[in-house]
Amino acid sequence: MNLENFPMDIQRCPLQFGSFGYTKRDVIYKWNSARQVAIAEDMKLSQFDLVANPTANYSASATLSHAEYSMLLVYFHLQRHMGNFLIQVYGPCVLLVVLSWVSFWLNREATADRVSLGITTVLTMTFLGLEARTDLPKVPYPTALDFFVFLSFAFIFATIIQFAVVHYFTKYGSGECYFSSDLSESESSSDEEEINTRRLKKESVIH
């Protein structure tokens, strides 16, 4: 199974059958065009929809006997249902991303509220991504669902980075930069010393 497009994938399941007791010289299997492969109308699958069932005739060679055998082939094209994943994964991911954007409307001074909202959405998104991965077969490549969850996580993480950048530069522009506090204190102390020195000089001149 190829799950790169999971859960929007379409699986092609082949079914081949024939007889290895008789070679192609003895028996040739062919589909009856008047009676094609039919699927019951009331047949329903819990996770897939049967979208097509093409048929074909072909010959297969056996490696041991070096003979050709007539075969019949039918493919069942199964399309996965999306409803379950929309409710459990896609919908919550979209809501979490929108919820993380609420921090844009909060006051920049509400640091605790914005940070707690960002961390909560990140942790919830992480749990949701791990939970969605548990129902997926262990494959060595990322699927479409993995890319969507990662993109949602990136949007949420970007809101925290944006708040940190805005918070730093607004504090810096308002004179509240944390890195220049020591420098400002040293400058104020030097100014006070200079004022005291001038005052002492004036008093000595008067006396």
N, C-alpha and C. Protein backbone atom coordinates (compact mmCIF):
# COMPACT_ATOMS: atom_id res chain seq x y z
N MET A 1 0.84 -1.20 0.00
CA MET A 1 0.00 0.00 0.00
C MET A 1 0.87 1.25 0.00
N ASN A 2 0.48 2.20 -0.82
CA ASN A 2 1.17 3.49 -0.87
C ASN A 2 0.35 4.50 -0.09
N LEU A 3 0.91 4.98 1.03
CA LEU A 3 0.18 5.87 1.92
C LEU A 3 0.72 7.29 1.89
N GLU A 4 1.36 7.70 0.81
CA GLU A 4 1.89 9.06 0.73
C GLU A 4 0.77 10.10 0.75
N ASN A 5 -0.39 9.78 0.16
CA ASN A 5 -1.52 10.72 0.13
C ASN A 5 -2.53 10.47 1.24
N PHE A 6 -2.18 9.66 2.21
CA PHE A 6 -3.10 9.35 3.31
C PHE A 6 -3.49 10.64 4.05
N PRO A 7 -4.80 10.84 4.35
CA PRO A 7 -5.94 9.94 4.17
C PRO A 7 -6.75 10.21 2.90
N MET A 8 -6.15 10.86 1.91
CA MET A 8 -6.84 11.12 0.64
C MET A 8 -6.36 10.16 -0.44
N ASP A 9 -5.94 8.98 -0.04
CA ASP A 9 -5.36 8.03 -0.98
C ASP A 9 -6.42 7.15 -1.62
N ILE A 10 -6.07 6.59 -2.75
CA ILE A 10 -6.88 5.60 -3.46
C ILE A 10 -6.02 4.36 -3.65
N GLN A 11 -6.44 3.25 -3.10
CA GLN A 11 -5.68 2.01 -3.15
C GLN A 11 -6.19 1.12 -4.28
N ARG A 12 -5.24 0.54 -5.00
CA ARG A 12 -5.55 -0.39 -6.09
C ARG A 12 -5.23 -1.80 -5.61
N CYS A 13 -6.28 -2.58 -5.41
CA CYS A 13 -6.12 -3.94 -4.89
C CYS A 13 -6.36 -4.95 -6.01
N PRO A 14 -5.32 -5.63 -6.49
CA PRO A 14 -5.51 -6.59 -7.59
C PRO A 14 -5.96 -7.96 -7.08
N LEU A 15 -6.75 -8.61 -7.90
CA LEU A 15 -7.17 -9.99 -7.64
C LEU A 15 -6.96 -10.77 -8.93
N GLN A 16 -6.06 -11.74 -8.90
CA GLN A 16 -5.77 -12.55 -10.08
C GLN A 16 -6.01 -14.02 -9.75
N PHE A 17 -6.56 -14.71 -10.71
CA PHE A 17 -6.84 -16.12 -10.49
C PHE A 17 -6.77 -16.85 -11.84
N GLY A 18 -6.41 -18.11 -11.76
CA GLY A 18 -6.28 -18.96 -12.94
C GLY A 18 -6.00 -20.38 -12.50
N SER A 19 -5.52 -21.19 -13.41
CA SER A 19 -5.24 -22.59 -13.13
C SER A 19 -3.81 -22.91 -13.53
N PHE A 20 -3.04 -23.43 -12.56
CA PHE A 20 -1.68 -23.89 -12.87
C PHE A 20 -1.66 -25.38 -13.21
N GLY A 21 -2.84 -26.00 -13.27
CA GLY A 21 -2.90 -27.41 -13.67
C GLY A 21 -2.94 -27.57 -15.18
N TYR A 22 -3.35 -26.52 -15.87
CA TYR A 22 -3.43 -26.56 -17.33
C TYR A 22 -2.72 -25.33 -17.88
N THR A 23 -1.94 -25.54 -18.90
CA THR A 23 -1.21 -24.44 -19.51
C THR A 23 -2.12 -23.67 -20.45
N LYS A 24 -1.52 -22.66 -21.07
CA LYS A 24 -2.28 -21.83 -22.00
C LYS A 24 -2.72 -22.61 -23.23
N ARG A 25 -2.01 -23.68 -23.54
CA ARG A 25 -2.40 -24.50 -24.69
C ARG A 25 -3.68 -25.28 -24.41
N ASP A 26 -3.93 -25.57 -23.13
CA ASP A 26 -5.10 -26.37 -22.78
C ASP A 26 -6.32 -25.50 -22.46
N VAL A 27 -6.12 -24.44 -21.65
CA VAL A 27 -7.23 -23.61 -21.19
C VAL A 27 -6.84 -22.15 -21.34
N ILE A 28 -7.76 -21.34 -21.86
CA ILE A 28 -7.59 -19.89 -21.95
C ILE A 28 -8.78 -19.24 -21.26
N TYR A 29 -8.49 -18.46 -20.24
CA TYR A 29 -9.54 -17.77 -19.50
C TYR A 29 -9.75 -16.38 -20.10
N LYS A 30 -11.04 -16.04 -20.26
CA LYS A 30 -11.40 -14.70 -20.74
C LYS A 30 -12.65 -14.24 -20.01
N TRP A 31 -12.71 -12.93 -19.80
CA TRP A 31 -13.90 -12.37 -19.19
C TRP A 31 -15.06 -12.40 -20.17
N ASN A 32 -16.23 -12.71 -19.65
CA ASN A 32 -17.44 -12.71 -20.47
C ASN A 32 -17.94 -11.27 -20.57
N SER A 33 -17.86 -10.70 -21.76
CA SER A 33 -18.28 -9.30 -21.93
C SER A 33 -19.76 -9.10 -21.64
N ALA A 34 -20.56 -10.15 -21.80
CA ALA A 34 -21.99 -10.03 -21.53
C ALA A 34 -22.29 -10.05 -20.04
N ARG A 35 -21.40 -10.63 -19.27
CA ARG A 35 -21.60 -10.72 -17.82
C ARG A 35 -20.34 -10.20 -17.12
N GLN A 36 -20.26 -8.89 -17.02
CA GLN A 36 -19.10 -8.25 -16.41
C GLN A 36 -19.13 -8.43 -14.89
N VAL A 37 -17.99 -8.11 -14.29
CA VAL A 37 -17.91 -8.15 -12.82
C VAL A 37 -18.83 -7.09 -12.24
N ALA A 38 -19.71 -7.48 -11.37
CA ALA A 38 -20.68 -6.56 -10.79
C ALA A 38 -20.55 -6.58 -9.27
N ILE A 39 -20.76 -5.43 -8.69
CA ILE A 39 -20.70 -5.27 -7.24
C ILE A 39 -22.12 -5.04 -6.72
N ALA A 40 -22.44 -5.68 -5.63
CA ALA A 40 -23.77 -5.51 -5.04
C ALA A 40 -24.00 -4.05 -4.67
N GLU A 41 -25.16 -3.55 -5.00
CA GLU A 41 -25.47 -2.14 -4.75
C GLU A 41 -25.55 -1.81 -3.27
N ASP A 42 -25.95 -2.77 -2.46
CA ASP A 42 -26.08 -2.51 -1.02
C ASP A 42 -24.80 -2.78 -0.24
N MET A 43 -23.70 -3.06 -0.94
CA MET A 43 -22.44 -3.33 -0.25
C MET A 43 -21.82 -2.02 0.23
N LYS A 44 -21.45 -1.96 1.48
CA LYS A 44 -20.83 -0.78 2.07
C LYS A 44 -19.63 -1.19 2.90
N LEU A 45 -18.59 -0.37 2.82
CA LEU A 45 -17.38 -0.58 3.62
C LEU A 45 -17.27 0.53 4.64
N SER A 46 -16.72 0.21 5.79
CA SER A 46 -16.66 1.19 6.88
C SER A 46 -15.64 2.29 6.61
N GLN A 47 -14.55 2.00 5.90
CA GLN A 47 -13.50 2.98 5.71
C GLN A 47 -13.24 3.35 4.25
N PHE A 48 -13.83 2.64 3.31
CA PHE A 48 -13.52 2.87 1.90
C PHE A 48 -14.79 2.90 1.07
N ASP A 49 -14.67 3.53 -0.11
CA ASP A 49 -15.68 3.49 -1.15
C ASP A 49 -15.07 2.81 -2.37
N LEU A 50 -15.80 1.87 -2.95
CA LEU A 50 -15.34 1.21 -4.16
C LEU A 50 -15.68 2.09 -5.36
N VAL A 51 -14.67 2.68 -5.97
CA VAL A 51 -14.90 3.66 -7.04
C VAL A 51 -14.76 3.05 -8.42
N ALA A 52 -14.05 1.92 -8.57
CA ALA A 52 -13.89 1.29 -9.89
C ALA A 52 -13.43 -0.14 -9.70
N ASN A 53 -13.70 -0.96 -10.73
CA ASN A 53 -13.25 -2.35 -10.72
C ASN A 53 -12.94 -2.81 -12.14
N PRO A 54 -11.88 -2.31 -12.74
CA PRO A 54 -11.52 -2.72 -14.10
C PRO A 54 -11.02 -4.16 -14.14
N THR A 55 -11.22 -4.81 -15.29
CA THR A 55 -10.81 -6.20 -15.48
C THR A 55 -9.85 -6.31 -16.65
N ALA A 56 -9.12 -7.44 -16.71
CA ALA A 56 -8.17 -7.66 -17.80
C ALA A 56 -7.86 -9.14 -17.90
N ASN A 57 -7.38 -9.56 -19.09
CA ASN A 57 -6.90 -10.91 -19.34
C ASN A 57 -5.39 -10.84 -19.57
N TYR A 58 -4.66 -11.81 -19.06
CA TYR A 58 -3.22 -11.81 -19.30
C TYR A 58 -2.68 -13.22 -19.11
N SER A 59 -1.44 -13.40 -19.52
CA SER A 59 -0.77 -14.69 -19.41
C SER A 59 0.41 -14.55 -18.46
N ALA A 60 0.60 -15.56 -17.62
CA ALA A 60 1.69 -15.57 -16.65
C ALA A 60 2.59 -16.76 -16.91
N SER A 61 3.88 -16.55 -16.71
CA SER A 61 4.87 -17.61 -16.93
C SER A 61 5.36 -18.13 -15.59
N ALA A 62 5.41 -19.43 -15.44
CA ALA A 62 5.92 -20.06 -14.23
C ALA A 62 7.41 -20.32 -14.39
N THR A 63 8.19 -19.98 -13.39
CA THR A 63 9.65 -20.10 -13.50
C THR A 63 10.12 -21.55 -13.44
N LEU A 64 9.36 -22.42 -12.80
CA LEU A 64 9.80 -23.81 -12.64
C LEU A 64 9.50 -24.65 -13.88
N SER A 65 8.29 -24.50 -14.40
CA SER A 65 7.89 -25.34 -15.54
C SER A 65 8.15 -24.68 -16.88
N HIS A 66 8.50 -23.40 -16.88
CA HIS A 66 8.75 -22.65 -18.12
C HIS A 66 7.55 -22.73 -19.07
N ALA A 67 6.37 -22.67 -18.50
CA ALA A 67 5.15 -22.71 -19.30
C ALA A 67 4.32 -21.47 -18.99
N GLU A 68 3.42 -21.12 -19.91
CA GLU A 68 2.54 -19.97 -19.73
C GLU A 68 1.15 -20.45 -19.34
N TYR A 69 0.55 -19.69 -18.43
CA TYR A 69 -0.78 -20.03 -17.94
C TYR A 69 -1.69 -18.84 -18.13
N SER A 70 -2.92 -19.12 -18.49
CA SER A 70 -3.92 -18.06 -18.69
C SER A 70 -4.45 -17.59 -17.34
N MET A 71 -4.58 -16.27 -17.21
CA MET A 71 -5.01 -15.68 -15.95
C MET A 71 -6.09 -14.64 -16.19
N LEU A 72 -6.89 -14.43 -15.16
CA LEU A 72 -7.86 -13.34 -15.14
C LEU A 72 -7.46 -12.36 -14.05
N LEU A 73 -7.67 -11.09 -14.31
CA LEU A 73 -7.24 -10.05 -13.39
C LEU A 73 -8.36 -9.03 -13.21
N VAL A 74 -8.59 -8.64 -11.97
CA VAL A 74 -9.55 -7.59 -11.67
C VAL A 74 -8.95 -6.70 -10.58
N TYR A 75 -9.11 -5.40 -10.75
CA TYR A 75 -8.62 -4.42 -9.78
C TYR A 75 -9.80 -3.82 -9.04
N PHE A 76 -9.63 -3.63 -7.74
CA PHE A 76 -10.62 -2.94 -6.93
C PHE A 76 -10.00 -1.62 -6.46
N HIS A 77 -10.53 -0.51 -6.95
CA HIS A 77 -10.04 0.82 -6.57
C HIS A 77 -10.84 1.30 -5.36
N LEU A 78 -10.16 1.47 -4.25
CA LEU A 78 -10.81 1.84 -2.99
C LEU A 78 -10.37 3.23 -2.58
N GLN A 79 -11.36 4.09 -2.37
CA GLN A 79 -11.09 5.46 -1.92
C GLN A 79 -11.46 5.59 -0.45
N ARG A 80 -10.55 6.14 0.34
CA ARG A 80 -10.74 6.20 1.79
C ARG A 80 -11.76 7.28 2.17
N HIS A 81 -12.55 6.99 3.20
CA HIS A 81 -13.49 7.98 3.73
C HIS A 81 -12.74 9.07 4.48
N MET A 82 -13.14 10.33 4.28
CA MET A 82 -12.48 11.46 4.91
C MET A 82 -13.21 11.99 6.14
N GLY A 83 -14.44 11.56 6.35
CA GLY A 83 -15.25 12.14 7.42
C GLY A 83 -14.63 11.99 8.80
N ASN A 84 -14.11 10.81 9.09
CA ASN A 84 -13.52 10.56 10.41
C ASN A 84 -12.30 11.45 10.65
N PHE A 85 -11.47 11.64 9.64
CA PHE A 85 -10.26 12.45 9.79
C PHE A 85 -10.59 13.94 9.84
N LEU A 86 -11.66 14.35 9.16
CA LEU A 86 -12.07 15.75 9.24
C LEU A 86 -12.50 16.11 10.66
N ILE A 87 -13.17 15.17 11.33
CA ILE A 87 -13.67 15.44 12.68
C ILE A 87 -12.56 15.34 13.72
N GLN A 88 -11.68 14.35 13.58
CA GLN A 88 -10.70 14.08 14.63
C GLN A 88 -9.37 14.79 14.44
N VAL A 89 -9.00 15.16 13.21
CA VAL A 89 -7.67 15.74 12.98
C VAL A 89 -7.76 17.11 12.33
N TYR A 90 -8.35 17.18 11.14
CA TYR A 90 -8.31 18.43 10.36
C TYR A 90 -9.08 19.55 11.06
N GLY A 91 -10.27 19.25 11.55
CA GLY A 91 -11.05 20.27 12.24
C GLY A 91 -10.37 20.81 13.49
N PRO A 92 -9.92 19.94 14.42
CA PRO A 92 -9.21 20.46 15.60
C PRO A 92 -7.93 21.22 15.27
N CYS A 93 -7.20 20.80 14.24
CA CYS A 93 -5.97 21.52 13.87
C CYS A 93 -6.29 22.94 13.42
N VAL A 94 -7.32 23.09 12.59
CA VAL A 94 -7.70 24.42 12.12
C VAL A 94 -8.16 25.29 13.29
N LEU A 95 -8.93 24.72 14.20
CA LEU A 95 -9.41 25.49 15.36
C LEU A 95 -8.25 25.91 16.27
N LEU A 96 -7.26 25.04 16.43
CA LEU A 96 -6.11 25.40 17.26
C LEU A 96 -5.29 26.53 16.64
N VAL A 97 -5.14 26.50 15.32
CA VAL A 97 -4.41 27.58 14.65
C VAL A 97 -5.15 28.91 14.82
N VAL A 98 -6.47 28.88 14.63
CA VAL A 98 -7.26 30.10 14.80
C VAL A 98 -7.21 30.57 16.25
N LEU A 99 -7.23 29.62 17.19
CA LEU A 99 -7.15 29.99 18.61
C LEU A 99 -5.82 30.65 18.95
N SER A 100 -4.75 30.19 18.33
CA SER A 100 -3.44 30.81 18.59
C SER A 100 -3.38 32.24 18.08
N TRP A 101 -4.21 32.58 17.08
CA TRP A 101 -4.23 33.96 16.56
C TRP A 101 -4.93 34.92 17.52
N VAL A 102 -5.62 34.40 18.52
CA VAL A 102 -6.28 35.28 19.49
C VAL A 102 -5.25 36.14 20.23
N SER A 103 -4.03 35.62 20.38
CA SER A 103 -3.00 36.39 21.08
C SER A 103 -2.64 37.68 20.36
N PHE A 104 -2.95 37.78 19.06
CA PHE A 104 -2.67 39.02 18.32
C PHE A 104 -3.55 40.17 18.82
N TRP A 105 -4.72 39.86 19.38
CA TRP A 105 -5.64 40.90 19.85
C TRP A 105 -5.47 41.20 21.34
N LEU A 106 -4.61 40.47 22.01
CA LEU A 106 -4.36 40.75 23.42
C LEU A 106 -3.35 41.89 23.57
N ASN A 107 -3.46 42.59 24.67
CA ASN A 107 -2.52 43.68 24.95
C ASN A 107 -1.11 43.12 25.08
N ARG A 108 -0.15 43.86 24.55
CA ARG A 108 1.23 43.38 24.61
C ARG A 108 1.75 43.30 26.03
N GLU A 109 1.13 44.04 26.95
CA GLU A 109 1.55 43.98 28.35
C GLU A 109 1.04 42.72 29.04
N ALA A 110 0.05 42.05 28.44
CA ALA A 110 -0.48 40.80 29.03
C ALA A 110 0.43 39.64 28.64
N THR A 111 1.64 39.68 29.15
CA THR A 111 2.65 38.69 28.76
C THR A 111 2.26 37.29 29.22
N ALA A 112 1.80 37.17 30.44
CA ALA A 112 1.46 35.85 30.98
C ALA A 112 0.32 35.20 30.19
N ASP A 113 -0.69 36.00 29.84
CA ASP A 113 -1.82 35.45 29.10
C ASP A 113 -1.40 34.97 27.72
N ARG A 114 -0.60 35.77 27.04
CA ARG A 114 -0.19 35.40 25.68
C ARG A 114 0.74 34.20 25.68
N VAL A 115 1.64 34.14 26.63
CA VAL A 115 2.56 33.00 26.70
C VAL A 115 1.82 31.72 27.07
N SER A 116 0.92 31.80 28.03
CA SER A 116 0.16 30.61 28.43
C SER A 116 -0.72 30.11 27.29
N LEU A 117 -1.32 31.03 26.54
CA LEU A 117 -2.14 30.63 25.39
C LEU A 117 -1.28 29.95 24.33
N GLY A 118 -0.10 30.50 24.06
CA GLY A 118 0.77 29.90 23.06
C GLY A 118 1.27 28.53 23.46
N ILE A 119 1.70 28.39 24.71
CA ILE A 119 2.21 27.09 25.17
C ILE A 119 1.10 26.05 25.19
N THR A 120 -0.11 26.45 25.59
CA THR A 120 -1.23 25.51 25.62
C THR A 120 -1.56 24.99 24.23
N THR A 121 -1.60 25.89 23.25
CA THR A 121 -1.90 25.45 21.88
C THR A 121 -0.79 24.57 21.32
N VAL A 122 0.46 24.87 21.65
CA VAL A 122 1.57 24.04 21.16
C VAL A 122 1.49 22.64 21.75
N LEU A 123 1.25 22.53 23.05
CA LEU A 123 1.16 21.21 23.67
C LEU A 123 -0.04 20.43 23.15
N THR A 124 -1.17 21.11 22.96
CA THR A 124 -2.35 20.43 22.43
C THR A 124 -2.10 19.95 21.00
N MET A 125 -1.42 20.77 20.21
CA MET A 125 -1.11 20.39 18.84
C MET A 125 -0.16 19.20 18.80
N THR A 126 0.79 19.17 19.71
CA THR A 126 1.72 18.04 19.77
C THR A 126 0.99 16.75 20.13
N PHE A 127 0.11 16.82 21.11
CA PHE A 127 -0.67 15.63 21.49
C PHE A 127 -1.56 15.18 20.35
N LEU A 128 -2.17 16.12 19.64
CA LEU A 128 -3.06 15.77 18.54
C LEU A 128 -2.29 15.10 17.41
N GLY A 129 -1.09 15.60 17.11
CA GLY A 129 -0.28 14.98 16.06
C GLY A 129 0.15 13.57 16.41
N LEU A 130 0.54 13.34 17.66
CA LEU A 130 0.92 12.00 18.08
C LEU A 130 -0.27 11.06 18.09
N GLU A 131 -1.43 11.56 18.48
CA GLU A 131 -2.63 10.73 18.51
C GLU A 131 -3.06 10.33 17.10
N ALA A 132 -2.93 11.26 16.14
CA ALA A 132 -3.28 10.94 14.76
C ALA A 132 -2.33 9.91 14.16
N ARG A 133 -1.11 9.90 14.64
CA ARG A 133 -0.11 8.97 14.10
C ARG A 133 -0.31 7.56 14.60
N THR A 134 -0.99 7.37 15.71
CA THR A 134 -1.16 6.03 16.27
C THR A 134 -2.02 5.14 15.40
N ASP A 135 -3.01 5.71 14.69
CA ASP A 135 -3.89 4.91 13.84
C ASP A 135 -3.29 4.65 12.46
N LEU A 136 -2.13 5.19 12.18
CA LEU A 136 -1.52 5.05 10.87
C LEU A 136 -0.49 3.92 10.90
N PRO A 137 -0.45 3.07 9.87
CA PRO A 137 0.61 2.05 9.82
C PRO A 137 1.99 2.68 9.84
N LYS A 138 2.94 1.97 10.41
CA LYS A 138 4.30 2.49 10.53
C LYS A 138 4.98 2.47 9.16
N VAL A 139 5.11 3.62 8.56
CA VAL A 139 5.75 3.74 7.25
C VAL A 139 6.97 4.65 7.38
N PRO A 140 8.00 4.43 6.55
CA PRO A 140 9.24 5.22 6.69
C PRO A 140 9.20 6.58 6.02
N TYR A 141 8.07 6.98 5.46
CA TYR A 141 7.99 8.26 4.75
C TYR A 141 6.82 9.06 5.32
N PRO A 142 6.88 10.38 5.22
CA PRO A 142 5.78 11.22 5.72
C PRO A 142 4.57 11.14 4.80
N THR A 143 3.40 11.25 5.39
CA THR A 143 2.16 11.24 4.63
C THR A 143 1.59 12.65 4.52
N ALA A 144 0.50 12.78 3.76
CA ALA A 144 -0.14 14.09 3.62
C ALA A 144 -0.67 14.58 4.96
N LEU A 145 -1.12 13.67 5.80
CA LEU A 145 -1.60 14.05 7.13
C LEU A 145 -0.46 14.58 7.99
N ASP A 146 0.72 13.98 7.87
CA ASP A 146 1.88 14.47 8.63
C ASP A 146 2.26 15.88 8.21
N PHE A 147 2.23 16.16 6.90
CA PHE A 147 2.55 17.50 6.42
C PHE A 147 1.55 18.53 6.94
N PHE A 148 0.27 18.16 6.97
CA PHE A 148 -0.75 19.09 7.45
C PHE A 148 -0.57 19.38 8.94
N VAL A 149 -0.31 18.35 9.73
CA VAL A 149 -0.11 18.55 11.16
C VAL A 149 1.15 19.38 11.41
N PHE A 150 2.22 19.11 10.66
CA PHE A 150 3.45 19.89 10.83
C PHE A 150 3.24 21.35 10.45
N LEU A 151 2.49 21.60 9.37
CA LEU A 151 2.22 22.98 8.97
C LEU A 151 1.39 23.71 10.02
N SER A 152 0.41 23.03 10.59
CA SER A 152 -0.39 23.64 11.66
C SER A 152 0.48 23.94 12.87
N PHE A 153 1.37 23.02 13.21
CA PHE A 153 2.29 23.25 14.34
C PHE A 153 3.21 24.44 14.05
N ALA A 154 3.65 24.58 12.80
CA ALA A 154 4.53 25.70 12.44
C ALA A 154 3.80 27.03 12.58
N PHE A 155 2.52 27.09 12.19
CA PHE A 155 1.75 28.32 12.34
C PHE A 155 1.61 28.70 13.82
N ILE A 156 1.32 27.72 14.65
CA ILE A 156 1.16 27.99 16.08
C ILE A 156 2.48 28.43 16.70
N PHE A 157 3.57 27.77 16.34
CA PHE A 157 4.87 28.14 16.88
C PHE A 157 5.29 29.52 16.40
N ALA A 158 4.89 29.89 15.18
CA ALA A 158 5.24 31.21 14.65
C ALA A 158 4.57 32.33 15.44
N THR A 159 3.37 32.07 15.98
CA THR A 159 2.71 33.10 16.79
C THR A 159 3.50 33.40 18.06
N ILE A 160 4.11 32.37 18.66
CA ILE A 160 4.93 32.60 19.86
C ILE A 160 6.18 33.39 19.50
N ILE A 161 6.82 33.05 18.39
CA ILE A 161 8.01 33.78 17.95
C ILE A 161 7.65 35.23 17.65
N GLN A 162 6.50 35.44 17.01
CA GLN A 162 6.08 36.81 16.68
C GLN A 162 5.86 37.63 17.94
N PHE A 163 5.24 37.03 18.96
CA PHE A 163 5.02 37.76 20.21
C PHE A 163 6.35 38.10 20.89
N ALA A 164 7.30 37.16 20.87
CA ALA A 164 8.59 37.42 21.50
C ALA A 164 9.32 38.57 20.80
N VAL A 165 9.27 38.60 19.46
CA VAL A 165 9.94 39.66 18.71
C VAL A 165 9.28 41.01 18.98
N VAL A 166 7.94 41.05 18.92
CA VAL A 166 7.22 42.30 19.15
C VAL A 166 7.44 42.79 20.58
N HIS A 167 7.40 41.89 21.53
CA HIS A 167 7.60 42.27 22.93
C HIS A 167 8.99 42.87 23.14
N TYR A 168 9.99 42.29 22.53
CA TYR A 168 11.36 42.79 22.71
C TYR A 168 11.52 44.18 22.11
N PHE A 169 11.06 44.35 20.85
CA PHE A 169 11.29 45.63 20.18
C PHE A 169 10.43 46.75 20.75
N THR A 170 9.23 46.45 21.22
CA THR A 170 8.42 47.50 21.84
C THR A 170 9.01 47.93 23.17
N LYS A 171 9.54 47.00 23.93
CA LYS A 171 10.22 47.37 25.17
C LYS A 171 11.47 48.18 24.88
N TYR A 172 12.18 47.84 23.83
CA TYR A 172 13.40 48.57 23.47
C TYR A 172 13.09 49.98 23.02
N GLY A 173 12.01 50.14 22.26
CA GLY A 173 11.66 51.47 21.76
C GLY A 173 11.10 52.38 22.83
N SER A 174 10.54 51.82 23.89
CA SER A 174 9.96 52.65 24.96
C SER A 174 10.95 52.97 26.06
N GLY A 175 12.21 52.61 25.87
CA GLY A 175 13.22 52.88 26.88
C GLY A 175 13.25 51.88 28.00
N GLU A 176 12.58 50.74 27.82
CA GLU A 176 12.54 49.73 28.86
C GLU A 176 13.36 48.50 28.49
N CYS A 177 14.35 48.71 27.65
CA CYS A 177 15.17 47.58 27.22
C CYS A 177 15.95 47.02 28.40
N TYR A 178 15.90 45.72 28.54
CA TYR A 178 16.53 45.09 29.69
C TYR A 178 18.05 45.10 29.59
N PHE A 179 18.56 45.14 28.38
CA PHE A 179 20.00 45.03 28.20
C PHE A 179 20.72 46.35 28.50
N SER A 180 20.02 47.49 28.45
CA SER A 180 20.66 48.79 28.66
C SER A 180 20.40 49.36 30.05
N SER A 181 19.81 48.57 30.95
CA SER A 181 19.49 49.08 32.29
C SER A 181 20.75 49.37 33.08
N ASP A 182 21.74 48.48 33.01
CA ASP A 182 22.99 48.70 33.74
C ASP A 182 23.71 49.94 33.25
N LEU A 183 23.67 50.13 31.92
CA LEU A 183 24.33 51.29 31.35
C LEU A 183 23.68 52.58 31.80
N SER A 184 22.36 52.63 31.85
CA SER A 184 21.65 53.84 32.26
C SER A 184 21.91 54.15 33.73
N GLU A 185 22.00 53.11 34.58
CA GLU A 185 22.28 53.33 35.99
C GLU A 185 23.68 53.92 36.19
N SER A 186 24.65 53.42 35.43
CA SER A 186 26.02 53.95 35.56
C SER A 186 26.09 55.39 35.09
N GLU A 187 25.33 55.72 34.01
CA GLU A 187 25.33 57.09 33.53
C GLU A 187 24.70 58.03 34.55
N SER A 188 23.61 57.62 35.18
CA SER A 188 22.95 58.47 36.18
C SER A 188 23.85 58.70 37.39
N SER A 189 24.57 57.65 37.82
CA SER A 189 25.47 57.82 38.96
C SER A 189 26.63 58.76 38.63
N SER A 190 27.15 58.69 37.40
CA SER A 190 28.24 59.60 37.01
C SER A 190 27.75 61.04 36.95
N ASP A 191 26.49 61.24 36.50
CA ASP A 191 25.93 62.59 36.47
C ASP A 191 25.79 63.15 37.88
N GLU A 192 25.36 62.33 38.82
CA GLU A 192 25.22 62.79 40.20
C GLU A 192 26.58 63.17 40.80
N GLU A 193 27.61 62.40 40.50
CA GLU A 193 28.95 62.72 41.00
C GLU A 193 29.46 64.04 40.44
N GLU A 194 29.16 64.26 39.15
CA GLU A 194 29.60 65.52 38.53
C GLU A 194 28.89 66.72 39.16
N ILE A 195 27.61 66.58 39.44
CA ILE A 195 26.86 67.67 40.08
C ILE A 195 27.40 67.95 41.47
N ASN A 196 27.70 66.90 42.23
CA ASN A 196 28.24 67.10 43.58
C ASN A 196 29.61 67.78 43.54
N THR A 197 30.42 67.42 42.53
CA THR A 197 31.74 68.05 42.40
C THR A 197 31.63 69.53 42.12
N ARG A 198 30.72 69.91 41.23
CA ARG A 198 30.52 71.32 40.92
C ARG A 198 30.02 72.08 42.15
N ARG A 199 29.15 71.46 42.91
CA ARG A 199 28.61 72.12 44.11
C ARG A 199 29.72 72.38 45.13
N LEU A 200 30.62 71.41 45.29
CA LEU A 200 31.73 71.59 46.23
C LEU A 200 32.67 72.70 45.77
N LYS A 201 32.91 72.79 44.46
CA LYS A 201 33.77 73.86 43.94
C LYS A 201 33.17 75.23 44.21
N LYS A 202 31.87 75.37 44.02
CA LYS A 202 31.22 76.66 44.26
C LYS A 202 31.32 77.05 45.73
N GLU A 203 31.13 76.07 46.62
CA GLU A 203 31.20 76.38 48.05
C GLU A 203 32.61 76.80 48.46
N SER A 204 33.63 76.17 47.87
CA SER A 204 35.01 76.54 48.19
C SER A 204 35.35 77.94 47.69
N VAL A 205 34.82 78.34 46.54
CA VAL A 205 35.07 79.68 46.01
C VAL A 205 34.42 80.73 46.90
N ILE A 206 33.24 80.46 47.40
CA ILE A 206 32.52 81.41 48.25
C ILE A 206 33.27 81.63 49.55
N HIS A 207 33.80 80.54 50.14
CA HIS A 207 34.53 80.67 51.39
C HIS A 207 35.90 81.31 51.17
